[in-house]
C-alpha atoms as a PDB file:
ATOM      1  CA  MET A   1      26.365  -7.793  -8.255  1.00  0.00           C
ATOM      2  CA  THR A   2      23.081  -9.351  -9.634  1.00  0.00           C
ATOM      3  CA  VAL A   3      20.323 -10.895  -7.678  1.00  0.00           C
ATOM      4  CA  SER A   4      21.021 -14.216  -9.448  1.00  0.00           C
ATOM      5  CA  ALA A   5      24.271 -14.332  -8.105  1.00  0.00           C
ATOM      6  CA  ILE A   6      22.575 -14.755  -4.669  1.00  0.00           C
ATOM      7  CA  THR A   7      21.814 -17.836  -3.125  1.00  0.00           C
ATOM      8  CA  LEU A   8      18.362 -17.804  -0.700  1.00  0.00           C
ATOM      9  CA  ARG A   9      18.277 -20.826   1.437  1.00  0.00           C
ATOM     10  CA  ALA A  10      16.471 -21.739   5.081  1.00  0.00           C
ATOM     11  CA  GLY A  11      18.173 -20.239   7.487  1.00  0.00           C
ATOM     12  CA  ARG A  12      19.670 -22.153  10.540  1.00  0.00           C
ATOM     13  CA  ASP A  13      20.950 -21.955  14.017  1.00  0.00           C
ATOM     14  CA  ASP A  14      24.362 -21.936  13.342  1.00  0.00           C
ATOM     15  CA  ASP A  15      23.997 -18.985  10.964  1.00  0.00           C
ATOM     16  CA  THR A  16      24.226 -16.858  14.342  1.00  0.00           C
ATOM     17  CA  ALA A  17      27.175 -14.385  12.927  1.00  0.00           C
ATOM     18  CA  ALA A  18      25.535 -13.827   9.601  1.00  0.00           C
ATOM     19  CA  TYR A  19      22.155 -12.498  11.560  1.00  0.00           C
ATOM     20  CA  ILE A  20      24.378 -10.548  13.799  1.00  0.00           C
ATOM     21  CA  ARG A  21      26.296  -9.077  11.172  1.00  0.00           C
ATOM     22  CA  LEU A  22      23.448  -7.984   9.228  1.00  0.00           C
ATOM     23  CA  ILE A  23      21.495  -6.628  12.219  1.00  0.00           C
ATOM     24  CA  GLY A  24      24.763  -4.946  13.668  1.00  0.00           C
ATOM     25  CA  ASP A  25      25.332  -3.455  10.103  1.00  0.00           C
ATOM     26  CA  ALA A  26      21.920  -2.124   9.280  1.00  0.00           C
ATOM     27  CA  TRP A  27      21.413  -0.508  12.552  1.00  0.00           C
ATOM     28  CA  GLY A  28      25.091   1.127  12.929  1.00  0.00           C
ATOM     29  CA  GLU A  29      23.882   3.412   9.816  1.00  0.00           C
ATOM     30  CA  PHE A  30      21.447   5.343  12.671  1.00  0.00           C
ATOM     31  CA  PRO A  31      22.771   7.149  15.376  1.00  0.00           C
ATOM     32  CA  GLY A  32      21.522   6.472  18.652  1.00  0.00           C
ATOM     33  CA  VAL A  33      20.708   2.749  18.128  1.00  0.00           C
ATOM     34  CA  VAL A  34      21.937   0.431  20.316  1.00  0.00           C
ATOM     35  CA  PHE A  35      22.549  -3.164  19.202  1.00  0.00           C
ATOM     36  CA  ASP A  36      23.223  -5.646  22.428  1.00  0.00           C
ATOM     37  CA  VAL A  37      22.607  -9.154  21.336  1.00  0.00           C
ATOM     38  CA  ASP A  38      22.659 -10.812  24.664  1.00  0.00           C
ATOM     39  CA  ALA A  39      20.342  -8.253  26.375  1.00  0.00           C
ATOM     40  CA  GLU A  40      17.745  -7.571  24.260  1.00  0.00           C
ATOM     41  CA  LEU A  41      18.393 -10.361  20.874  1.00  0.00           C
ATOM     42  CA  PRO A  42      19.292 -13.497  22.646  1.00  0.00           C
ATOM     43  CA  GLU A  43      16.819 -15.170  19.969  1.00  0.00           C
ATOM     44  CA  LEU A  44      19.410 -14.272  17.462  1.00  0.00           C
ATOM     45  CA  ARG A  45      21.702 -17.229  19.114  1.00  0.00           C
ATOM     46  CA  SER A  46      19.031 -20.036  17.930  1.00  0.00           C
ATOM     47  CA  LEU A  47      16.697 -17.759  15.389  1.00  0.00           C
ATOM     48  CA  ALA A  48      15.673 -20.756  13.283  1.00  0.00           C
ATOM     49  CA  THR A  49      14.409 -22.229  16.418  1.00  0.00           C
ATOM     50  CA  TYR A  50      12.792 -19.196  17.587  1.00  0.00           C
ATOM     51  CA  PHE A  51      10.708 -18.883  14.360  1.00  0.00           C
ATOM     52  CA  SER A  52      10.233 -22.692  13.691  1.00  0.00           C
ATOM     53  CA  GLU A  53       8.339 -22.903  17.742  1.00  0.00           C
ATOM     54  CA  LYS A  54       6.265 -20.303  16.608  1.00  0.00           C
ATOM     55  CA  GLY A  55       4.932 -21.727  13.489  1.00  0.00           C
ATOM     56  CA  GLY A  56       7.298 -19.319  11.090  1.00  0.00           C
ATOM     57  CA  ALA A  57      10.431 -19.516   8.635  1.00  0.00           C
ATOM     58  CA  LEU A  58      13.264 -17.989   8.368  1.00  0.00           C
ATOM     59  CA  TRP A  59      15.470 -17.136   5.005  1.00  0.00           C
ATOM     60  CA  LEU A  60      19.313 -16.269   4.635  1.00  0.00           C
ATOM     61  CA  ALA A  61      20.405 -14.791   1.385  1.00  0.00           C
ATOM     62  CA  GLU A  62      24.308 -15.695   0.707  1.00  0.00           C
ATOM     63  CA  GLY A  63      26.797 -14.016  -2.012  1.00  0.00           C
ATOM     64  CA  PRO A  64      30.008 -15.274  -3.058  1.00  0.00           C
ATOM     65  CA  ASP A  65      31.442 -13.290  -0.089  1.00  0.00           C
ATOM     66  CA  GLY A  66      29.230 -13.976   2.672  1.00  0.00           C
ATOM     67  CA  PRO A  67      25.725 -13.340   4.157  1.00  0.00           C
ATOM     68  CA  LEU A  68      23.945 -10.599   2.150  1.00  0.00           C
ATOM     69  CA  GLY A  69      20.236 -10.385   3.669  1.00  0.00           C
ATOM     70  CA  MET A  70      17.749 -12.183   5.603  1.00  0.00           C
ATOM     71  CA  VAL A  71      13.848 -12.479   6.392  1.00  0.00           C
ATOM     72  CA  ALA A  72      11.661 -14.112   8.462  1.00  0.00           C
ATOM     73  CA  THR A  73       7.485 -14.544   9.115  1.00  0.00           C
ATOM     74  CA  ARG A  74       5.419 -15.942  11.675  1.00  0.00           C
ATOM     75  CA  PRO A  75       1.903 -16.071  12.230  1.00  0.00           C
ATOM     76  CA  LEU A  76      -0.205 -13.887  14.624  1.00  0.00           C
ATOM     77  CA  ARG A  77      -2.985 -14.601  16.578  1.00  0.00           C
ATOM     78  CA  GLU A  78      -5.326 -12.475  15.572  1.00  0.00           C
ATOM     79  CA  ASP A  79      -7.216 -11.672  11.939  1.00  0.00           C
ATOM     80  CA  GLY A  80      -5.602 -14.146  10.107  1.00  0.00           C
ATOM     81  CA  ALA A  81      -2.515 -12.234   9.748  1.00  0.00           C
ATOM     82  CA  TRP A  82       1.202 -13.080   9.479  1.00  0.00           C
ATOM     83  CA  GLU A  83       4.095 -10.899  10.544  1.00  0.00           C
ATOM     84  CA  ILE A  84       7.396 -10.020   8.123  1.00  0.00           C
ATOM     85  CA  GLY A  85      10.333  -9.475  10.333  1.00  0.00           C
ATOM     86  CA  ARG A  86      14.053  -9.728  10.635  1.00  0.00           C
ATOM     87  CA  MET A  87      13.827  -8.144   6.893  1.00  0.00           C
ATOM     88  CA  TYR A  88      17.565  -6.606   6.323  1.00  0.00           C
ATOM     89  CA  VAL A  89      19.565  -6.222   3.560  1.00  0.00           C
ATOM     90  CA  ALA A  90      23.392  -5.495   3.338  1.00  0.00           C
ATOM     91  CA  ALA A  91      24.520  -2.074   1.960  1.00  0.00           C
ATOM     92  CA  GLU A  92      26.521  -3.648  -0.862  1.00  0.00           C
ATOM     93  CA  ALA A  93      23.345  -5.897  -2.260  1.00  0.00           C
ATOM     94  CA  ARG A  94      20.807  -2.845  -2.066  1.00  0.00           C
ATOM     95  CA  GLY A  95      19.103  -1.836  -5.560  1.00  0.00           C
ATOM     96  CA  THR A  96      19.940  -5.389  -6.995  1.00  0.00           C
ATOM     97  CA  GLY A  97      16.447  -6.847  -6.150  1.00  0.00           C
ATOM     98  CA  LEU A  98      17.216  -9.125  -3.627  1.00  0.00           C
ATOM     99  CA  ALA A  99      15.135  -6.816  -1.164  1.00  0.00           C
ATOM    100  CA  HIS A 100      11.738  -7.733  -3.585  1.00  0.00           C
ATOM    101  CA  ARG A 101      13.137 -11.462  -3.351  1.00  0.00           C
ATOM    102  CA  LEU A 102      13.329 -11.641   0.163  1.00  0.00           C
ATOM    103  CA  LEU A 103       9.927 -10.164   0.865  1.00  0.00           C
ATOM    104  CA  ASP A 104       8.171 -12.098  -1.987  1.00  0.00           C
ATOM    105  CA  THR A 105       9.300 -15.517  -0.595  1.00  0.00           C
ATOM    106  CA  ALA A 106       8.598 -14.481   3.124  1.00  0.00           C
ATOM    107  CA  GLU A 107       5.102 -13.284   1.724  1.00  0.00           C
ATOM    108  CA  ALA A 108       4.372 -16.095  -0.496  1.00  0.00           C
ATOM    109  CA  HIS A 109       5.307 -18.532   2.631  1.00  0.00           C
ATOM    110  CA  ALA A 110       2.387 -16.864   4.419  1.00  0.00           C
ATOM    111  CA  ARG A 111      -0.331 -17.132   1.648  1.00  0.00           C
ATOM    112  CA  ALA A 112       0.218 -20.795   1.269  1.00  0.00           C
ATOM    113  CA  ALA A 113      -0.448 -21.059   4.799  1.00  0.00           C
ATOM    114  CA  GLY A 114      -3.385 -18.877   4.578  1.00  0.00           C
ATOM    115  CA  ALA A 115      -2.298 -15.548   5.757  1.00  0.00           C
ATOM    116  CA  GLU A 116      -5.171 -13.025   5.252  1.00  0.00           C
ATOM    117  CA  ARG A 117      -3.324 -10.213   6.320  1.00  0.00           C
ATOM    118  CA  MET A 118       0.466  -9.107   6.103  1.00  0.00           C
ATOM    119  CA  VAL A 119       2.014  -6.819   9.562  1.00  0.00           C
ATOM    120  CA  LEU A 120       5.548  -5.712   9.950  1.00  0.00           C
ATOM    121  CA  TRP A 121       6.896  -2.830  12.606  1.00  0.00           C
ATOM    122  CA  THR A 122       9.705  -1.091  11.413  1.00  0.00           C
ATOM    123  CA  ASP A 123      11.669   1.431  13.514  1.00  0.00           C
ATOM    124  CA  THR A 124      10.280   5.523  12.626  1.00  0.00           C
ATOM    125  CA  ARG A 125      13.866   6.001  11.933  1.00  0.00           C
ATOM    126  CA  PHE A 126      14.584   3.746   8.830  1.00  0.00           C
ATOM    127  CA  ASN A 127      13.227   6.050   6.375  1.00  0.00           C
ATOM    128  CA  ALA A 128      14.584   3.776   3.033  1.00  0.00           C
ATOM    129  CA  ALA A 129      12.858   0.996   4.668  1.00  0.00           C
ATOM    130  CA  HIS A 130       8.914   2.454   4.621  1.00  0.00           C
ATOM    131  CA  SER A 131       9.501   3.499   0.851  1.00  0.00           C
ATOM    132  CA  PHE A 132      10.224   0.372   0.355  1.00  0.00           C
ATOM    133  CA  TYR A 133       7.033  -1.245   1.945  1.00  0.00           C
ATOM    134  CA  GLU A 134       5.179   1.320   0.315  1.00  0.00           C
ATOM    135  CA  LYS A 135       6.294   0.215  -2.748  1.00  0.00           C
ATOM    136  CA  ARG A 136       4.883  -2.937  -1.974  1.00  0.00           C
ATOM    137  CA  GLY A 137       1.612  -1.841  -0.942  1.00  0.00           C
ATOM    138  CA  TYR A 138       1.977  -1.596   2.999  1.00  0.00           C
ATOM    139  CA  VAL A 139       0.278   1.404   4.286  1.00  0.00           C
ATOM    140  CA  ARG A 140       0.759   2.871   7.971  1.00  0.00           C
ATOM    141  CA  GLN A 141      -1.819   1.056  10.396  1.00  0.00           C
ATOM    142  CA  GLY A 142      -2.749   2.439  13.807  1.00  0.00           C
ATOM    143  CA  ALA A 143      -0.740   3.868  16.702  1.00  0.00           C
ATOM    144  CA  ILE A 144       3.353   4.455  17.338  1.00  0.00           C
ATOM    145  CA  ARG A 145       4.661   1.577  19.226  1.00  0.00           C
ATOM    146  CA  ILE A 146       6.985   2.390  21.948  1.00  0.00           C
ATOM    147  CA  LEU A 147       9.681   0.288  23.243  1.00  0.00           C
ATOM    148  CA  ASP A 148      11.434   0.209  26.287  1.00  0.00           C
ATOM    149  CA  ASP A 149      14.842  -0.721  24.968  1.00  0.00           C
ATOM    150  CA  LEU A 150      18.351   0.614  24.728  1.00  0.00           C
ATOM    151  CA  SER A 151      17.390   2.557  21.572  1.00  0.00           C
ATOM    152  CA  LYS A 152      14.531   3.987  23.033  1.00  0.00           C
ATOM    153  CA  SER A 153      12.927   2.711  19.491  1.00  0.00           C
ATOM    154  CA  LEU A 154       9.531   4.249  18.044  1.00  0.00           C
ATOM    155  CA  GLU A 155       7.923   1.881  15.534  1.00  0.00           C
ATOM    156  CA  PHE A 156       5.584   2.152  12.956  1.00  0.00           C
ATOM    157  CA  ARG A 157       2.936  -0.584  11.958  1.00  0.00           C
ATOM    158  CA  TYR A 158       2.434  -1.263   8.551  1.00  0.00           C
ATOM    159  CA  ALA A 159       0.074  -3.663   7.383  1.00  0.00           C
ATOM    160  CA  LYS A 160      -2.278  -4.717   3.982  1.00  0.00           C
ATOM    161  CA  PRO A 161      -4.387  -7.300   2.794  1.00  0.00           C
ATOM    162  CA  ALA A 162      -2.330 -10.485   1.826  1.00  0.00           C
ATOM    163  CA  GLN A 163      -4.686 -12.374  -0.865  1.00  0.00           C
ATOM    164  CA  GLY A 164      -7.708 -12.183  -3.218  1.00  0.00           C
ATOM    165  CA  LEU A 165      -9.323  -8.685  -4.221  1.00  0.00           C
ATOM    166  CA  VAL A 166      -9.873  -6.611  -0.843  1.00  0.00           C
ATOM    167  CA  VAL A 167     -10.967  -2.997  -0.533  1.00  0.00           C
ATOM    168  CA  GLU A 168     -10.458  -0.912   2.768  1.00  0.00           C
ATOM    169  CA  ALA A 169     -10.867   2.905   4.021  1.00  0.00           C
ATOM    170  CA  LEU A 170      -7.738   4.440   4.566  1.00  0.00           C
ATOM    171  CA  ASP A 171      -7.435   7.012   7.186  1.00  0.00           C
ATOM    172  CA  ALA A 172      -5.067   9.819   7.699  1.00  0.00           C
ATOM    173  CA  ALA A 173      -1.955   8.195   8.738  1.00  0.00           C
ATOM    174  CA  ALA A 174      -2.432   5.178   6.224  1.00  0.00           C
ATOM    175  CA  ALA A 175      -3.368   8.007   3.265  1.00  0.00           C
ATOM    176  CA  ALA A 176       0.093   9.438   3.698  1.00  0.00           C
ATOM    177  CA  SER A 177       1.927   6.069   3.567  1.00  0.00           C
ATOM    178  CA  ALA A 178       0.120   5.640   0.137  1.00  0.00           C
ATOM    179  CA  GLU A 179       0.568   8.832  -1.462  1.00  0.00           C
ATOM    180  CA  ARG A 180       4.032   7.663  -3.095  1.00  0.00           C
ATOM    181  CA  ARG A 181       2.073   4.285  -4.606  1.00  0.00           C
ATOM    182  CA  PHE A 182      -1.247   6.442  -5.790  1.00  0.00           C
ATOM    183  CA  SER A 183       1.169   8.832  -7.169  1.00  0.00           C
ATOM    184  CA  GLU A 184       2.144   6.146  -9.627  1.00  0.00           C
ATOM    185  CA  ILE A 185      -0.990   4.601 -10.222  1.00  0.00           C
ATOM    186  CA  LEU A 186      -2.590   8.680 -11.162  1.00  0.00           C
ATOM    187  CA  ILE A 187       0.539   9.108 -13.304  1.00  0.00           C
ATOM    188  CA  ALA A 188       0.017   5.715 -15.047  1.00  0.00           C
ATOM    189  CA  CYS A 189      -3.670   6.510 -15.470  1.00  0.00           C
ATOM    190  CA  VAL A 190      -3.434   9.937 -16.904  1.00  0.00           C
ATOM    191  CA  ALA A 191      -0.906   8.408 -19.460  1.00  0.00           C
ATOM    192  CA  ALA A 192      -2.898   5.700 -20.385  1.00  0.00           C
ATOM    193  CA  GLY A 193      -5.523   8.409 -21.351  1.00  0.00           C
ATOM    194  CA  ALA A 194      -8.066   8.981 -18.241  1.00  0.00           C
ATOM    195  CA  SER A 195      -9.871  11.954 -17.722  1.00  0.00           C
ATOM    196  CA  VAL A 196      -9.219  12.711 -13.870  1.00  0.00           C
ATOM    197  CA  THR A 197      -8.565  16.794 -13.861  1.00  0.00           C
ATOM    198  CA  TYR A 198      -4.714  16.171 -15.141  1.00  0.00           C
ATOM    199  CA  LEU A 199      -3.209  15.806 -18.835  1.00  0.00           C
ATOM    200  CA  ALA A 200      -0.514  13.794 -19.788  1.00  0.00           C
ATOM    201  CA  PRO A 201       2.298  14.127 -18.815  1.00  0.00           C
ATOM    202  CA  LEU A 202       2.100  14.197 -15.426  1.00  0.00           C
ATOM    203  CA  SER A 203       4.750  15.143 -13.216  1.00  0.00           C
ATOM    204  CA  VAL A 204       5.753  13.386  -9.932  1.00  0.00           C
ATOM    205  CA  GLU A 205       5.867  16.734  -8.323  1.00  0.00           C
ATOM    206  CA  LYS A 206       2.184  17.535  -9.382  1.00  0.00           C
ATOM    207  CA  SER A 207       0.849  14.052  -8.384  1.00  0.00           C
ATOM    208  CA  ARG A 208       2.686  13.990  -4.833  1.00  0.00           C
ATOM    209  CA  ALA A 209       0.967  17.479  -4.357  1.00  0.00           C
ATOM    210  CA  HIS A 210      -2.257  16.154  -5.382  1.00  0.00           C
ATOM    211  CA  TRP A 211      -2.006  13.306  -2.782  1.00  0.00           C
ATOM    212  CA  LYS A 212      -0.545  15.328  -0.035  1.00  0.00           C
ATOM    213  CA  ARG A 213      -3.740  17.350  -0.545  1.00  0.00           C
ATOM    214  CA  ILE A 214      -6.277  14.295  -0.215  1.00  0.00           C
ATOM    215  CA  SER A 215      -4.091  13.093   2.565  1.00  0.00           C
ATOM    216  CA  SER A 216      -4.902  16.363   4.427  1.00  0.00           C
ATOM    217  CA  GLU A 217      -8.579  16.316   3.686  1.00  0.00           C
ATOM    218  CA  VAL A 218      -8.761  12.588   4.834  1.00  0.00           C
ATOM    219  CA  ALA A 219      -7.181  13.835   8.550  1.00  0.00           C
ATOM    220  CA  GLN A 220      -9.626  16.719   8.564  1.00  0.00           C
ATOM    221  CA  GLY A 221     -13.077  14.340   7.955  1.00  0.00           C
ATOM    222  CA  HIS A 222     -13.603  15.926   4.603  1.00  0.00           C
ATOM    223  CA  ARG A 223     -13.111  13.111   2.575  1.00  0.00           C
ATOM    224  CA  VAL A 224     -13.679   9.372   2.245  1.00  0.00           C
ATOM    225  CA  LEU A 225     -10.271   7.496   0.659  1.00  0.00           C
ATOM    226  CA  LEU A 226     -10.784   3.579  -0.267  1.00  0.00           C
ATOM    227  CA  GLY A 227      -7.855   1.725  -1.436  1.00  0.00           C
ATOM    228  CA  ALA A 228      -8.101  -1.716  -3.597  1.00  0.00           C
ATOM    229  CA  TRP A 229      -5.736  -4.470  -3.152  1.00  0.00           C
ATOM    230  CA  LEU A 230      -5.355  -7.460  -5.467  1.00  0.00           C
ATOM    231  CA  GLU A 231      -3.325 -10.119  -4.172  1.00  0.00           C
ATOM    232  CA  GLY A 232      -1.235  -8.081  -1.958  1.00  0.00           C
ATOM    233  CA  ALA A 233      -0.862  -5.115  -4.598  1.00  0.00           C
ATOM    234  CA  LEU A 234      -2.072  -1.754  -4.035  1.00  0.00           C
ATOM    235  CA  VAL A 235      -3.668  -1.168  -7.617  1.00  0.00           C
ATOM    236  CA  GLY A 236      -6.681   1.515  -7.163  1.00  0.00           C
ATOM    237  CA  THR A 237      -8.751   4.031  -5.293  1.00  0.00           C
ATOM    238  CA  VAL A 238     -11.652   5.948  -5.253  1.00  0.00           C
ATOM    239  CA  GLN A 239     -12.434   8.822  -3.274  1.00  0.00           C
ATOM    240  CA  LEU A 240     -16.257  10.344  -1.299  1.00  0.00           C
ATOM    241  CA  ASP A 241     -15.938  13.902  -1.225  1.00  0.00           C
ATOM    242  CA  LEU A 242     -18.127  15.211   1.591  1.00  0.00           C
ATOM    243  CA  ALA A 243     -17.546  18.755   1.412  1.00  0.00           C
ATOM    244  CA  THR A 244     -20.554  18.990   0.175  1.00  0.00           C
ATOM    245  CA  PRO A 245     -22.295  22.860   0.849  1.00  0.00           C
ATOM    246  CA  GLU A 246     -24.559  22.818   3.742  1.00  0.00           C
ATOM    247  CA  ASN A 247     -27.974  22.322   2.318  1.00  0.00           C
ATOM    248  CA  GLN A 248     -26.311  19.172   0.400  1.00  0.00           C
ATOM    249  CA  GLN A 249     -25.231  17.071   3.524  1.00  0.00           C
ATOM    250  CA  HIS A 250     -27.094  14.191   2.202  1.00  0.00           C
ATOM    251  CA  ARG A 251     -24.916  13.754  -0.878  1.00  0.00           C
ATOM    252  CA  ALA A 252     -21.465  12.911  -1.716  1.00  0.00           C
ATOM    253  CA  GLU A 253     -19.626  13.307  -5.116  1.00  0.00           C
ATOM    254  CA  LEU A 254     -17.355  10.578  -5.987  1.00  0.00           C
ATOM    255  CA  VAL A 255     -14.165  11.449  -7.425  1.00  0.00           C
ATOM    256  CA  LYS A 256     -11.137  10.073  -9.047  1.00  0.00           C
ATOM    257  CA  LEU A 257     -11.468   6.543  -9.903  1.00  0.00           C
ATOM    258  CA  LEU A 258      -8.435   5.272 -10.795  1.00  0.00           C
ATOM    259  CA  VAL A 259      -7.289   1.187 -11.509  1.00  0.00           C
ATOM    260  CA  ASP A 260      -3.305   0.818 -12.792  1.00  0.00           C
ATOM    261  CA  PRO A 261      -3.687  -0.084 -16.281  1.00  0.00           C
ATOM    262  CA  ALA A 262      -1.665  -3.168 -15.459  1.00  0.00           C
ATOM    263  CA  PHE A 263      -4.488  -4.492 -13.353  1.00  0.00           C
ATOM    264  CA  ARG A 264      -7.383  -3.164 -15.409  1.00  0.00           C
ATOM    265  CA  ASN A 265     -10.523  -6.047 -16.389  1.00  0.00           C
ATOM    266  CA  ARG A 266      -9.993  -7.811 -12.933  1.00  0.00           C
ATOM    267  CA  GLY A 267     -13.041  -6.468 -11.286  1.00  0.00           C
ATOM    268  CA  VAL A 268     -10.994  -3.573  -9.224  1.00  0.00           C
ATOM    269  CA  GLY A 269     -13.561  -0.942 -10.331  1.00  0.00           C
ATOM    270  CA  GLU A 270     -16.655  -2.801  -9.719  1.00  0.00           C
ATOM    271  CA  ALA A 271     -14.933  -3.609  -6.082  1.00  0.00           C
ATOM    272  CA  LEU A 272     -14.409   0.201  -5.755  1.00  0.00           C
ATOM    273  CA  LEU A 273     -17.608   1.326  -6.507  1.00  0.00           C
ATOM    274  CA  ARG A 274     -19.514  -1.052  -4.394  1.00  0.00           C
ATOM    275  CA  ARG A 275     -17.215   0.065  -1.651  1.00  0.00           C
ATOM    276  CA  ALA A 276     -18.028   3.570  -2.112  1.00  0.00           C
ATOM    277  CA  GLU A 277     -21.689   2.909  -2.017  1.00  0.00           C
ATOM    278  CA  GLN A 278     -21.637   0.990   1.225  1.00  0.00           C
ATOM    279  CA  THR A 279     -19.347   3.477   2.948  1.00  0.00           C
ATOM    280  CA  ALA A 280     -21.685   6.286   1.778  1.00  0.00           C
ATOM    281  CA  LEU A 281     -24.665   4.965   2.930  1.00  0.00           C
ATOM    282  CA  ARG A 282     -23.378   4.262   6.446  1.00  0.00           C
ATOM    283  CA  LEU A 283     -22.418   7.777   6.947  1.00  0.00           C
ATOM    284  CA  GLY A 284     -25.954   8.543   5.909  1.00  0.00           C
ATOM    285  CA  ARG A 285     -25.026   9.885   2.356  1.00  0.00           C
ATOM    286  CA  ARG A 286     -28.214   9.370   0.400  1.00  0.00           C
ATOM    287  CA  LEU A 287     -27.516  10.345  -3.064  1.00  0.00           C
ATOM    288  CA  LEU A 288     -24.081  10.052  -4.782  1.00  0.00           C
ATOM    289  CA  THR A 289     -23.000  11.749  -7.804  1.00  0.00           C
ATOM    290  CA  LEU A 290     -20.063  11.810 -10.287  1.00  0.00           C
ATOM    291  CA  ASP A 291     -19.057  13.263 -13.602  1.00  0.00           C
ATOM    292  CA  THR A 292     -17.274  11.645 -16.430  1.00  0.00           C
ATOM    293  CA  ARG A 293     -15.766  12.214 -19.917  1.00  0.00           C
ATOM    294  CA  ALA A 294     -18.660  10.694 -22.433  1.00  0.00           C
ATOM    295  CA  ASP A 295     -18.069   7.441 -24.165  1.00  0.00           C
ATOM    296  CA  ASP A 296     -15.023   6.351 -21.880  1.00  0.00           C
ATOM    297  CA  GLU A 297     -14.787   3.079 -20.469  1.00  0.00           C
ATOM    298  CA  GLY A 298     -16.342   4.439 -17.149  1.00  0.00           C
ATOM    299  CA  GLU A 299     -19.313   5.232 -18.585  1.00  0.00           C
ATOM    300  CA  ARG A 300     -20.157   1.470 -19.062  1.00  0.00           C
ATOM    301  CA  LEU A 301     -19.014   0.686 -15.534  1.00  0.00           C
ATOM    302  CA  TYR A 302     -21.462   3.007 -13.844  1.00  0.00           C
ATOM    303  CA  ARG A 303     -24.229   2.251 -16.279  1.00  0.00           C
ATOM    304  CA  ARG A 304     -23.460  -1.546 -15.566  1.00  0.00           C
ATOM    305  CA  LEU A 305     -23.814  -1.018 -12.053  1.00  0.00           C
ATOM    306  CA  GLY A 306     -26.675   1.032 -11.883  1.00  0.00           C
ATOM    307  CA  TRP A 307     -26.008   4.635 -12.133  1.00  0.00           C
ATOM    308  CA  THR A 308     -28.622   7.084 -14.097  1.00  0.00           C
ATOM    309  CA  GLU A 309     -27.320   9.638 -16.207  1.00  0.00           C
ATOM    310  CA  GLY A 310     -28.313  13.236 -15.203  1.00  0.00           C
ATOM    311  CA  GLY A 311     -27.481  15.163 -18.086  1.00  0.00           C
ATOM    312  CA  CYS A 312     -24.630  15.878 -20.596  1.00  0.00           C
ATOM    313  CA  ILE A 313     -22.247  19.345 -21.343  1.00  0.00           C
ATOM    314  CA  PRO A 314     -20.547  19.499 -24.289  1.00  0.00           C
ATOM    315  CA  ASP A 315     -17.180  20.957 -24.910  1.00  0.00           C
ATOM    316  CA  PHE A 316     -16.812  20.585 -21.082  1.00  0.00           C
ATOM    317  CA  ALA A 317     -13.192  19.768 -20.957  1.00  0.00           C
ATOM    318  CA  GLN A 318     -10.160  19.206 -22.742  1.00  0.00           C
ATOM    319  CA  ASP A 319      -8.269  15.887 -23.534  1.00  0.00           C
ATOM    320  CA  ALA A 320      -4.473  15.430 -24.111  1.00  0.00           C
ATOM    321  CA  SER A 321      -4.392  16.130 -27.702  1.00  0.00           C
ATOM    322  CA  GLY A 322      -6.449  19.558 -27.000  1.00  0.00           C
ATOM    323  CA  ALA A 323     -10.003  18.922 -28.114  1.00  0.00           C
ATOM    324  CA  LEU A 324     -13.041  19.536 -26.565  1.00  0.00           C
ATOM    325  CA  ARG A 325     -14.643  16.165 -25.497  1.00  0.00           C
ATOM    326  CA  ALA A 326     -18.673  16.487 -23.342  1.00  0.00           C
ATOM    327  CA  THR A 327     -19.026  15.069 -20.031  1.00  0.00           C
ATOM    328  CA  ARG A 328     -22.047  13.176 -18.233  1.00  0.00           C
ATOM    329  CA  PHE A 329     -23.099  13.090 -15.102  1.00  0.00           C
ATOM    330  CA  PHE A 330     -24.701  10.683 -12.998  1.00  0.00           C
ATOM    331  CA  PHE A 331     -26.188   9.883 -10.146  1.00  0.00           C
ATOM    332  CA  LYS A 332     -27.123   6.717  -7.698  1.00  0.00           C
ATOM    333  CA  ARG A 333     -29.041   6.167  -4.414  1.00  0.00           C
ATOM    334  CA  PRO A 334     -26.784   3.674  -2.748  1.00  0.00           C
ATOM    335  CA  GLY A 335     -28.534   0.919  -1.210  1.00  0.00           C
END
């Protein structure tokens, strides 16, 4: 089945049987999950009205043989946020791109209505859903929600900026949930020739191991991890290494400035650097240092933003061809 053979339309109240089938089949894949419509989900009897009254919208995807997916969105009361909900795809339609089409539709509706942030809740047991949302730039946020339902459900909260260019600090949970996406960005940057410790080709396993270590250091308070979103996509990152020696607690090292090559020249690197400087200042780190391969594009960005060269060491590191390249060291006093 191809996604082009699937029709996406506004959901109606008389689509109740389709909603019940989609949700019931999905929940039935997980032992211990109880699906009782009248006891816990009576809104399924008039779901379009339910979301309309909340200022939201609902969509149903249909194939030649019946319903294949659904999604809804509605505004929340805080932070200009909209919530994604009732996101389900039938097993036979997974891998067709339908999930992306459904989420694209709901997010576009929310953005057009002025959403500044997207939020969703997903059961802690739904691992495939977590992977999908993380690919779409969502990261874990806040505490696990405990539901007083028949299934004794626990839910993760995922969120992301909805539009524009936004840089945010990631806590330990967010850092862990961003590992997959940051791993993709690191691999792409290394493949494009970036000088960031690793040589091409960088394996998925080595990249994921790197980000797992970074997540651990964020949890320990030894590192600040920033992420950059552009129009809802997680496209860049930079770190502040706070684990400086005892006599250098006034300093932080800026490391791993990474921008997905597909999103370069759109201000992402500059936004990351400026937010890193603000964060360092807030943490009382009055001096920032970094190193970069001489004559790379990154060097031009650092100079433009006021970083001062502190010296150059020839033959400091190899590139992918084995040639020895010089490295320049820079510093800046934030603020």
